[in-house]
Protein backbone atom coordinates (compact mmCIF):
# COMPACT_ATOMS: atom_id res chain seq x y z
CA UNK A 1 137.90 92.21 85.17
CA UNK A 2 134.47 92.34 83.54
CA UNK A 3 133.38 89.05 81.97
CA UNK A 4 131.31 89.07 78.76
CA UNK A 5 128.42 87.33 80.51
CA UNK A 6 128.38 90.10 83.12
CA UNK A 7 128.17 92.73 80.39
CA UNK A 8 125.28 90.82 78.81
CA UNK A 9 123.42 90.60 82.11
CA UNK A 10 124.01 94.31 82.70
CA UNK A 11 122.62 95.08 79.24
CA UNK A 12 119.54 93.03 79.99
CA UNK A 13 119.06 94.85 83.28
CA UNK A 14 119.39 98.25 81.61
CA UNK A 15 116.91 97.24 78.93
CA UNK A 16 114.49 96.21 81.66
CA UNK A 17 114.89 99.33 83.78
CA UNK A 18 111.76 101.37 84.11
CA UNK A 19 109.56 98.54 82.85
CA UNK A 20 108.99 96.64 86.09
CA UNK A 21 111.35 93.89 84.95
CA UNK A 22 113.64 92.06 87.35
CA UNK A 23 116.62 90.16 85.95
CA UNK A 24 117.75 87.14 87.95
CA UNK A 25 121.24 85.90 87.15
CA UNK A 26 122.01 82.21 87.60
CA UNK A 27 125.61 81.00 87.36
CA UNK A 28 126.37 77.54 86.05
CA UNK A 29 128.96 75.73 88.17
CA UNK A 30 132.25 74.55 86.75
CA UNK A 31 135.48 75.93 85.50
CA UNK A 32 135.67 78.97 83.24
CA UNK A 33 137.99 78.19 80.34
CA UNK A 34 140.19 81.10 79.34
CA UNK A 35 139.47 82.30 75.83
CA UNK A 36 136.16 80.46 75.54
CA UNK A 37 133.32 82.70 74.34
CA UNK A 38 130.83 83.27 77.17
CA UNK A 39 127.36 84.69 76.56
CA UNK A 40 124.20 85.19 78.60
CA UNK A 41 121.00 83.38 77.73
CA UNK A 42 117.44 83.55 79.01
CA UNK A 43 116.81 80.17 80.63
CA UNK A 44 113.06 80.25 81.24
CA UNK A 45 109.93 82.13 80.27
CA UNK A 46 109.44 85.50 81.99
CA UNK A 47 107.46 85.21 85.22
CA UNK A 48 105.54 87.72 87.30
CA UNK A 49 107.12 88.62 90.63
CA UNK A 50 106.44 91.37 93.18
CA UNK A 51 108.60 94.42 92.59
CA UNK A 52 111.41 94.89 95.11
CA UNK A 53 111.83 98.63 94.62
CA UNK A 54 109.43 101.34 93.50
CA UNK A 55 109.51 105.12 93.40
CA UNK A 56 107.07 107.95 92.83
CA UNK A 57 108.05 111.61 92.58
CA UNK A 58 106.09 114.64 93.82
CA UNK A 59 106.66 117.96 91.97
CA UNK A 60 107.09 120.19 95.03
CA UNK A 61 105.93 123.82 95.44
CA UNK A 62 104.95 124.83 91.92
CA UNK A 63 105.57 128.57 92.23
CA UNK A 64 109.10 128.24 93.62
CA UNK A 65 112.19 128.28 91.41
CA UNK A 66 111.12 130.74 88.70
CA UNK A 67 113.91 133.23 88.04
CA UNK A 68 112.61 136.79 88.36
CA UNK A 69 109.12 135.70 89.46
CA UNK A 70 108.13 135.84 93.11
CA UNK A 71 106.76 132.66 94.64
CA UNK A 72 103.20 132.59 95.95
CA UNK A 73 103.45 132.68 99.72
CA UNK A 74 100.92 131.90 102.42
CA UNK A 75 100.11 128.37 101.29
CA UNK A 76 101.29 125.02 102.59
CA UNK A 77 102.62 122.23 100.38
CA UNK A 78 102.15 118.81 101.96
CA UNK A 79 103.16 115.33 100.80
CA UNK A 80 101.45 112.24 102.19
CA UNK A 81 102.70 108.78 101.26
CA UNK A 82 101.19 105.38 101.97
CA UNK A 83 101.65 101.72 101.16
CA UNK A 84 98.72 99.48 100.37
CA UNK A 85 97.46 97.52 103.38
CA UNK A 86 98.13 93.80 103.50
CA UNK A 87 94.43 93.00 103.03
CA UNK A 88 94.32 94.41 99.49
CA UNK A 89 97.50 92.59 98.47
CA UNK A 90 96.22 89.16 99.51
CA UNK A 91 96.90 86.71 96.71
CA UNK A 92 99.26 89.13 94.98
CA UNK A 93 102.26 89.35 97.29
CA UNK A 94 103.27 87.72 100.56
CA UNK A 95 103.89 89.99 103.56
CA UNK A 96 107.58 90.60 104.22
CA UNK A 97 109.83 93.24 105.71
CA UNK A 98 110.70 96.46 103.95
CA UNK A 99 110.51 100.23 104.22
CA UNK A 100 108.48 103.11 102.85
CA UNK A 101 110.48 106.35 102.96
CA UNK A 102 110.01 109.92 101.75
CA UNK A 103 112.61 112.64 101.37
CA UNK A 104 113.09 115.94 99.63
CA UNK A 105 115.27 116.35 96.56
CA UNK A 106 117.99 117.19 95.75
CA UNK A 107 119.61 116.72 99.18
CA UNK A 108 116.99 117.76 101.66
CA UNK A 109 115.90 116.13 104.89
CA UNK A 110 113.92 112.94 105.22
CA UNK A 111 110.18 113.44 105.56
CA UNK A 112 109.78 110.14 107.37
CA UNK A 113 109.84 106.37 107.08
CA UNK A 114 107.63 103.46 108.13
CA UNK A 115 108.16 99.71 108.12
CA UNK A 116 104.54 98.62 108.51
CA UNK A 117 102.01 98.31 105.70
CA UNK A 118 99.00 100.61 105.79
CA UNK A 119 100.83 103.35 107.68
CA UNK A 120 101.44 106.76 106.14
CA UNK A 121 104.08 109.48 106.10
CA UNK A 122 103.26 113.19 106.03
CA UNK A 123 105.69 116.08 105.58
CA UNK A 124 105.85 119.66 104.32
CA UNK A 125 107.88 120.96 101.38
CA UNK A 126 109.42 124.44 101.28
CA UNK A 127 111.48 126.07 98.57
CA UNK A 128 112.60 124.91 95.15
CA UNK A 129 112.45 121.19 95.94
CA UNK A 130 110.62 118.04 94.91
CA UNK A 131 110.04 114.85 96.90
CA UNK A 132 110.86 111.20 96.31
CA UNK A 133 108.79 108.41 97.87
CA UNK A 134 110.39 104.96 97.73
CA UNK A 135 109.28 101.50 98.75
CA UNK A 136 111.82 98.75 99.23
CA UNK A 137 111.59 94.96 99.45
CA UNK A 138 108.28 93.93 101.05
CA UNK A 139 106.91 97.49 101.00
CA UNK A 140 107.74 98.14 97.34
CA UNK A 141 104.45 96.84 95.84
CA UNK A 142 101.55 99.29 96.09
CA UNK A 143 103.16 102.67 96.83
CA UNK A 144 101.14 105.88 96.44
CA UNK A 145 101.63 109.51 97.40
CA UNK A 146 99.63 112.72 97.12
CA UNK A 147 100.82 116.33 97.11
CA UNK A 148 98.43 119.06 98.26
CA UNK A 149 98.60 122.84 98.48
CA UNK A 150 96.09 124.96 100.38
CA UNK A 151 95.52 128.66 100.85
CA UNK A 152 92.21 130.08 102.03
CA UNK A 153 92.81 133.83 101.75
CA UNK A 154 93.84 136.40 99.11
CA UNK A 155 93.45 136.17 95.33
CA UNK A 156 95.68 133.07 95.35
CA UNK A 157 93.29 130.96 97.43
CA UNK A 158 92.97 127.41 96.11
CA UNK A 159 92.97 123.73 96.98
CA UNK A 160 95.40 121.78 94.79
CA UNK A 161 95.83 118.01 94.91
CA UNK A 162 98.03 116.03 92.55
CA UNK A 163 99.14 112.40 92.53
CA UNK A 164 102.86 111.82 92.75
CA UNK A 165 104.06 110.01 89.64
CA UNK A 166 106.08 107.05 88.52
CA UNK A 167 108.80 108.85 86.49
CA UNK A 168 108.74 108.28 82.73
CA UNK A 169 110.27 109.75 79.58
CA UNK A 170 107.04 111.12 78.06
CA UNK A 171 104.25 113.21 79.58
CA UNK A 172 101.11 114.69 78.02
CA UNK A 173 99.79 117.68 79.99
CA UNK A 174 96.62 119.61 79.11
CA UNK A 175 95.76 122.74 81.12
CA UNK A 176 95.62 126.51 81.03
CA UNK A 177 94.31 129.29 78.81
CA UNK A 178 95.43 132.53 77.24
CA UNK A 179 93.96 135.12 79.63
CA UNK A 180 96.45 137.85 80.49
CA UNK A 181 96.04 137.18 84.21
CA UNK A 182 96.39 133.42 83.86
CA UNK A 183 99.70 131.66 84.48
CA UNK A 184 100.73 128.14 83.56
CA UNK A 185 103.83 126.80 85.30
CA UNK A 186 105.51 123.68 83.97
CA UNK A 187 107.38 121.76 86.67
CA UNK A 188 109.78 118.98 85.63
CA UNK A 189 111.50 116.94 88.36
CA UNK A 190 114.48 114.65 87.74
CA UNK A 191 115.04 111.91 90.35
CA UNK A 192 118.15 110.59 88.60
CA UNK A 193 121.82 111.32 89.08
CA UNK A 194 122.52 112.99 85.71
CA UNK A 195 121.39 116.22 84.08
CA UNK A 196 118.60 115.50 81.60
CA UNK A 197 117.57 117.29 78.44
CA UNK A 198 113.82 117.80 78.19
CA UNK A 199 112.07 118.97 75.01
CA UNK A 200 108.69 120.69 75.30
CA UNK A 201 106.25 120.68 72.37
CA UNK A 202 103.12 122.83 72.59
CA UNK A 203 99.90 122.35 70.61
CA UNK A 204 97.05 124.86 70.36
CA UNK A 205 93.80 125.69 68.63
CA UNK A 206 95.50 126.23 65.29
CA UNK A 207 97.87 123.28 65.54
CA UNK A 208 101.48 122.92 66.71
CA UNK A 209 102.72 126.17 68.23
CA UNK A 210 105.99 127.80 67.24
CA UNK A 211 108.00 127.78 70.45
CA UNK A 212 110.90 129.85 71.71
CA UNK A 213 114.39 128.63 72.52
CA UNK A 214 113.13 128.03 76.06
CA UNK A 215 111.41 124.85 74.84
CA UNK A 216 114.57 122.83 75.53
CA UNK A 217 115.16 122.50 79.26
CA UNK A 218 118.11 121.23 81.27
CA UNK A 219 116.93 119.53 84.46
CA UNK A 220 119.69 119.09 87.06
CA UNK A 221 120.39 115.76 88.77
CA UNK A 222 117.96 115.08 91.61
CA UNK A 223 116.60 118.55 90.98
CA UNK A 224 113.87 120.26 89.02
CA UNK A 225 113.22 123.01 86.50
CA UNK A 226 110.23 125.36 86.58
CA UNK A 227 109.25 127.49 83.58
CA UNK A 228 106.29 129.66 82.63
CA UNK A 229 104.49 128.21 79.64
CA UNK A 230 104.21 131.74 78.23
CA UNK A 231 108.02 131.76 78.02
CA UNK A 232 107.76 128.82 75.60
CA UNK A 233 104.50 129.52 73.72
CA UNK A 234 103.11 132.95 74.61
CA UNK A 235 99.37 133.59 74.64
CA UNK A 236 98.04 130.19 73.52
CA UNK A 237 94.32 129.93 74.35
CA UNK A 238 94.10 126.13 74.66
CA UNK A 239 97.56 124.75 75.38
CA UNK A 240 98.42 121.05 75.34
CA UNK A 241 102.00 120.13 76.19
CA UNK A 242 104.17 117.13 75.37
CA UNK A 243 107.26 116.71 77.56
CA UNK A 244 109.94 114.28 76.37
CA UNK A 245 113.14 113.57 78.31
CA UNK A 246 116.38 112.20 76.88
CA UNK A 247 118.72 110.00 78.88
CA UNK A 248 116.43 109.34 81.82
CA UNK A 249 112.94 109.68 83.27
CA UNK A 250 111.17 112.61 84.91
CA UNK A 251 107.96 113.60 86.65
CA UNK A 252 106.03 116.57 85.24
CA UNK A 253 102.96 118.64 86.08
CA UNK A 254 101.37 121.74 84.60
CA UNK A 255 99.84 124.22 87.03
CA UNK A 256 97.04 126.56 85.95
CA UNK A 257 96.56 129.66 88.12
CA UNK A 258 93.94 132.29 87.31
CA UNK A 259 93.15 135.72 88.70
CA UNK A 260 90.30 137.35 86.78
CA UNK A 261 90.92 141.06 87.25
CA UNK A 262 90.90 141.34 91.03
CA UNK A 263 88.98 138.09 91.63
CA UNK A 264 90.75 134.83 92.35
CA UNK A 265 89.47 132.02 90.12
CA UNK A 266 91.63 129.30 91.65
CA UNK A 267 94.57 127.07 90.77
CA UNK A 268 95.15 123.41 90.08
CA UNK A 269 97.72 120.99 88.74
CA UNK A 270 97.20 118.53 85.93
CA UNK A 271 99.34 115.44 85.89
CA UNK A 272 100.27 113.19 83.02
CA UNK A 273 97.35 111.89 80.99
CA UNK A 274 97.57 108.51 79.19
CA UNK A 275 99.35 108.52 75.81
CA UNK A 276 97.38 109.02 72.58
CA UNK A 277 94.63 106.43 72.06
CA UNK A 278 91.32 106.16 70.23
CA UNK A 279 89.45 105.98 73.55
CA UNK A 280 90.05 108.06 76.65
CA UNK A 281 88.00 108.22 79.86
CA UNK A 282 88.08 110.98 82.47
CA UNK A 283 86.61 109.27 85.52
CA UNK A 284 85.58 112.23 87.69
CA UNK A 285 84.19 115.45 86.21
CA UNK A 286 82.12 117.41 88.75
CA UNK A 287 79.83 119.87 86.93
CA UNK A 288 78.19 122.80 88.72
CA UNK A 289 79.19 125.69 86.48
CA UNK A 290 81.57 126.32 83.58
CA UNK A 291 83.23 123.07 82.47
CA UNK A 292 84.90 121.71 79.37
CA UNK A 293 86.82 118.75 77.95
CA UNK A 294 90.07 119.50 76.14
CA UNK A 295 90.96 117.18 73.24
CA UNK A 296 94.27 117.13 71.37
CA UNK A 297 94.84 115.26 68.11
CA UNK A 298 98.65 114.96 68.07
CA UNK A 299 98.91 113.07 64.80
CA UNK A 300 98.91 114.12 61.15
CA UNK A 301 95.29 113.19 60.31
CA UNK A 302 92.07 115.03 61.18
CA UNK A 303 89.97 113.21 63.79
CA UNK A 304 86.23 112.73 64.24
CA UNK A 305 85.73 112.87 68.00
CA UNK A 306 82.65 111.61 69.85
CA UNK A 307 82.11 112.63 73.47
CA UNK A 308 79.48 111.53 75.97
CA UNK A 309 78.91 111.71 79.70
CA UNK A 310 78.43 108.66 81.91
CA UNK A 311 76.00 108.77 84.84
CA UNK A 312 74.72 106.32 87.44
CA UNK A 313 71.86 105.61 85.03
CA UNK A 314 74.02 105.14 81.96
CA UNK A 315 75.39 107.33 79.16
CA UNK A 316 73.90 110.68 78.16
CA UNK A 317 74.76 112.85 75.15
CA UNK A 318 76.33 116.25 75.59
CA UNK A 319 73.97 119.20 75.12
CA UNK A 320 76.21 120.31 72.23
CA UNK A 321 79.25 119.19 70.25
CA UNK A 322 78.77 115.47 70.92
CA UNK A 323 80.54 114.88 67.60
CA UNK A 324 83.20 117.28 66.34
CA UNK A 325 86.03 117.32 63.83
CA UNK A 326 89.42 118.28 65.20
CA UNK A 327 92.21 119.14 62.73
CA UNK A 328 95.50 117.28 62.84
CA UNK A 329 97.83 118.67 65.50
CA UNK A 330 95.11 120.90 66.94
CA UNK A 331 93.27 121.30 70.25
CA UNK A 332 89.51 121.61 70.72
CA UNK A 333 87.73 122.61 73.95
CA UNK A 334 84.28 120.98 74.19
CA UNK A 335 81.86 122.65 76.61
CA UNK A 336 80.10 120.33 79.09
CA UNK A 337 78.89 122.92 81.61
CA UNK A 338 75.31 122.75 80.29
CA UNK A 339 74.93 119.26 81.75
CA UNK A 340 72.70 119.14 84.85
CA UNK A 341 74.74 119.63 88.05
CA UNK A 342 76.36 116.39 89.14
CA UNK A 343 79.50 114.29 88.92
CA UNK A 344 80.11 112.46 85.66
CA UNK A 345 82.69 110.41 83.86
CA UNK A 346 83.41 111.57 80.32
CA UNK A 347 84.19 109.11 77.52
CA UNK A 348 85.96 110.34 74.39
CA UNK A 349 86.16 108.11 71.30
CA UNK A 350 87.92 109.03 68.09
CA UNK A 351 88.95 107.52 64.78
CA UNK A 352 92.46 108.90 65.44
CA UNK A 353 94.50 108.79 68.66
CA UNK A 354 93.79 111.66 71.06
CA UNK A 355 94.75 112.85 74.54
CA UNK A 356 92.26 114.50 76.88
CA UNK A 357 91.67 116.29 80.17
CA UNK A 358 88.76 118.19 81.72
CA UNK A 359 88.43 121.48 83.60
CA UNK A 360 85.56 122.49 85.86
CA UNK A 361 84.87 125.63 87.87
CA UNK A 362 82.87 126.30 91.01
CA UNK A 363 81.81 129.89 91.44
CA UNK A 364 80.31 131.81 94.34
CA UNK A 365 77.14 133.81 94.11
CA UNK A 366 77.77 137.15 92.45
CA UNK A 367 81.38 137.79 91.52
CA UNK A 368 83.12 136.32 94.55
CA UNK A 369 86.22 134.13 94.59
CA UNK A 370 85.97 130.71 93.00
CA UNK A 371 88.12 127.66 92.35
CA UNK A 372 88.92 125.44 89.38
CA UNK A 373 90.02 121.84 88.94
CA UNK A 374 91.72 119.92 86.15
CA UNK A 375 91.31 116.16 85.76
CA UNK A 376 93.41 114.01 83.46
CA UNK A 377 92.15 110.88 81.78
CA UNK A 378 93.26 107.63 83.41
CA UNK A 379 94.02 104.03 82.56
CA UNK A 380 91.86 101.02 83.45
CA UNK A 381 92.81 99.64 86.86
CA UNK A 382 93.80 96.04 86.25
CA UNK A 383 95.51 95.14 89.54
CA UNK A 384 95.51 97.86 92.19
CA UNK A 385 95.24 101.62 92.62
CA UNK A 386 95.04 103.91 95.59
CA UNK A 387 95.93 107.20 97.19
CA UNK A 388 96.30 108.85 100.57
CA UNK A 389 93.56 111.36 101.30
CA UNK A 390 93.84 114.83 102.86
CA UNK A 391 91.56 116.17 105.57
CA UNK A 392 88.66 117.77 103.67
CA UNK A 393 84.95 118.34 104.14
CA UNK A 394 84.01 115.67 101.63
CA UNK A 395 85.89 113.13 99.53
CA UNK A 396 83.93 111.28 96.86
CA UNK A 397 85.30 108.32 94.90
CA UNK A 398 83.95 107.99 91.34
CA UNK A 399 84.18 104.65 89.53
CA UNK A 400 83.54 104.38 85.78
CA UNK A 401 83.02 101.20 83.74
CA UNK A 402 83.09 101.33 79.95
CA UNK A 403 81.84 98.61 77.61
CA UNK A 404 80.99 95.98 80.22
CA UNK A 405 79.93 95.61 83.83
CA UNK A 406 82.60 95.73 86.51
CA UNK A 407 82.97 95.18 90.23
CA UNK A 408 85.69 96.49 92.50
CA UNK A 409 86.66 96.07 96.13
CA UNK A 410 87.02 99.50 97.76
CA UNK A 411 89.13 99.50 100.93
CA UNK A 412 89.17 102.51 103.22
CA UNK A 413 92.11 102.87 105.61
CA UNK A 414 91.58 104.72 108.87
CA UNK A 415 94.09 106.85 110.69
CA UNK A 416 94.91 103.90 112.95
CA UNK A 417 95.55 101.60 110.00
CA UNK A 418 92.24 99.73 110.36
CA UNK A 419 90.62 98.76 107.05
CA UNK A 420 87.03 98.52 105.85
CA UNK A 421 86.32 96.81 102.52
CA UNK A 422 83.18 97.10 100.39
CA UNK A 423 82.33 95.51 97.06
CA UNK A 424 80.93 98.01 94.57
CA UNK A 425 79.24 97.04 91.30
CA UNK A 426 79.48 99.39 88.33
CA UNK A 427 77.10 98.77 85.39
CA UNK A 428 78.45 99.07 81.87
CA UNK A 429 78.83 102.64 80.57
CA UNK A 430 77.94 104.04 83.98
CA UNK A 431 79.47 105.43 87.16
CA UNK A 432 79.17 104.54 90.82
CA UNK A 433 80.11 106.84 93.67
CA UNK A 434 81.46 105.98 97.12
CA UNK A 435 81.82 108.40 100.03
CA UNK A 436 85.38 108.10 101.36
CA UNK A 437 85.27 111.16 103.63
CA UNK A 438 87.39 110.75 106.73
CA UNK A 439 89.55 107.92 105.40
CA UNK A 440 93.31 108.31 105.54
CA UNK A 441 93.67 106.42 102.27
CA UNK A 442 91.56 104.48 99.78
CA UNK A 443 92.55 101.46 97.66
CA UNK A 444 90.79 99.75 94.76
CA UNK A 445 91.18 96.18 93.61
CA UNK A 446 89.16 94.88 90.64
CA UNK A 447 86.98 91.83 91.16
CA UNK A 448 85.76 91.56 87.57
CA UNK A 449 86.02 93.83 84.58
CA UNK A 450 87.97 97.07 84.63
CA UNK A 451 87.22 100.49 86.06
CA UNK A 452 88.71 103.94 85.88
CA UNK A 453 88.62 106.03 89.04
CA UNK A 454 88.92 109.56 90.34
CA UNK A 455 88.32 111.38 93.60
CA UNK A 456 86.59 114.73 94.08
CA UNK A 457 87.82 116.66 97.13
CA UNK A 458 85.68 119.47 98.60
CA UNK A 459 86.67 121.85 101.38
CA UNK A 460 84.04 124.12 102.92
CA UNK A 461 85.31 127.66 103.33
CA UNK A 462 83.43 130.91 104.01
CA UNK A 463 85.56 132.66 101.38
CA UNK A 464 84.13 130.58 98.54
CA UNK A 465 84.38 127.14 96.93
CA UNK A 466 87.57 125.10 97.25
CA UNK A 467 87.89 121.76 95.46
CA UNK A 468 90.23 119.53 93.47
CA UNK A 469 90.07 116.30 91.46
CA UNK A 470 92.57 113.44 91.68
CA UNK A 471 92.69 110.88 88.85
CA UNK A 472 93.82 107.45 90.04
CA UNK A 473 96.43 105.52 88.08
CA UNK A 474 97.45 101.86 88.52
CA UNK A 475 99.99 101.24 91.27
CA UNK A 476 103.14 99.27 90.59
CA UNK A 477 102.74 95.83 92.16
CA UNK A 478 104.22 93.15 89.92
CA UNK A 479 107.27 93.05 87.69
CA UNK A 480 108.61 90.48 85.25
CA UNK A 481 111.56 88.33 86.24
CA UNK A 482 113.89 87.03 83.52
CA UNK A 483 116.27 84.27 84.57
CA UNK A 484 119.71 84.52 82.94
CA UNK A 485 122.69 82.16 83.06
CA UNK A 486 126.05 82.01 81.32
CA UNK A 487 126.65 79.73 78.36
CA UNK A 488 130.19 78.79 77.29
CA UNK A 489 130.85 78.13 73.64
């Protein structure tokens, strides 16, 4: 028999799902009188508690799973997962037992598990699969995972790095172009147990794009769906994509792969950028060649958009198009490649909500192979953020502070789990850079103010440049507990 108070508690739990909310039920003692109305009531103010379960989802090999299209072979897709070390959680959560585990979806093998904070898991993905990384009990707060793909030969050579995501029901993805030899692959992964309907809206230079019937996707339970963006909105020069799921949450990435004639120009993924807002910040934009910032105005009113670059010495104007008008529903690409070579943050302010991302290229001398990277905007880090790091030639952390000074504790984790912490000050409207080469993971905890952060990964290769950019997003650490008890009337 299901009591009315149980249904009420269940409703509260469902309403809290996906929001970091924990519902604690408390039963009053005494006899239940048959026929007496019984309801659930919140008995105290919501309180912050460490989460007891957390999950991030990695998209898996992006070129697998396309009907009638051969997968790109010769590369290796790797997932590395880590939990924040105890030192960075001091004062936030108390150490306790738990597990960090990674496995392939839908029903693939486990990639590994650890029960000690600061340790990592690494595994390879093959085929049309995604990966789920879960933390439980004491290892639930502060979970992060990174997916990488590397190939150093052929026209498909590239270094791709993308953060695994907390699933959600809405994703904004900005990447790609309309060149005939350029392919954008949309990957949507469903960690839940039911088939989900996902609607894909595409915006372009002229506004919302008329899409084909392929814009409504069915994503199988604990599975994924991969589709070419050209099958939804063919030939769009500056695509921006909004993915909305019904009935559950998903992870989504958009991969941009470019072969210019017979010359490989690289590939990269872009993950979800923050939802529309009047200010967006892309924390790490390395400029040493062609580069641009893509801006979408998804609303119904034209926007006046101001863009500037942030350096270690403060803000600098763009060489051109510092202020532009962008029509309602349209996309504008703003060139930033004329900036002096260096790594910047880019701040975009608008009188209407916008979403943004940036693309940069690194080209060889002459017409040799090159690589490209996409970077999404990111949210201010208010509690904790971090990521595992791959083995590369150089890894550079970029910290950006907007509006006021900030300071952050940067903790590098070695392969043996040992930690080294450094306090880094970031002046207002500026960036600071920290070399994190050789670390197995890096974690950030704000001391004062708020920062955005990104990491530039460089891999030396005789065949030409290889690089990628990872935008850091806040890790899930705390939830909200709501105490509930039954009331008899």
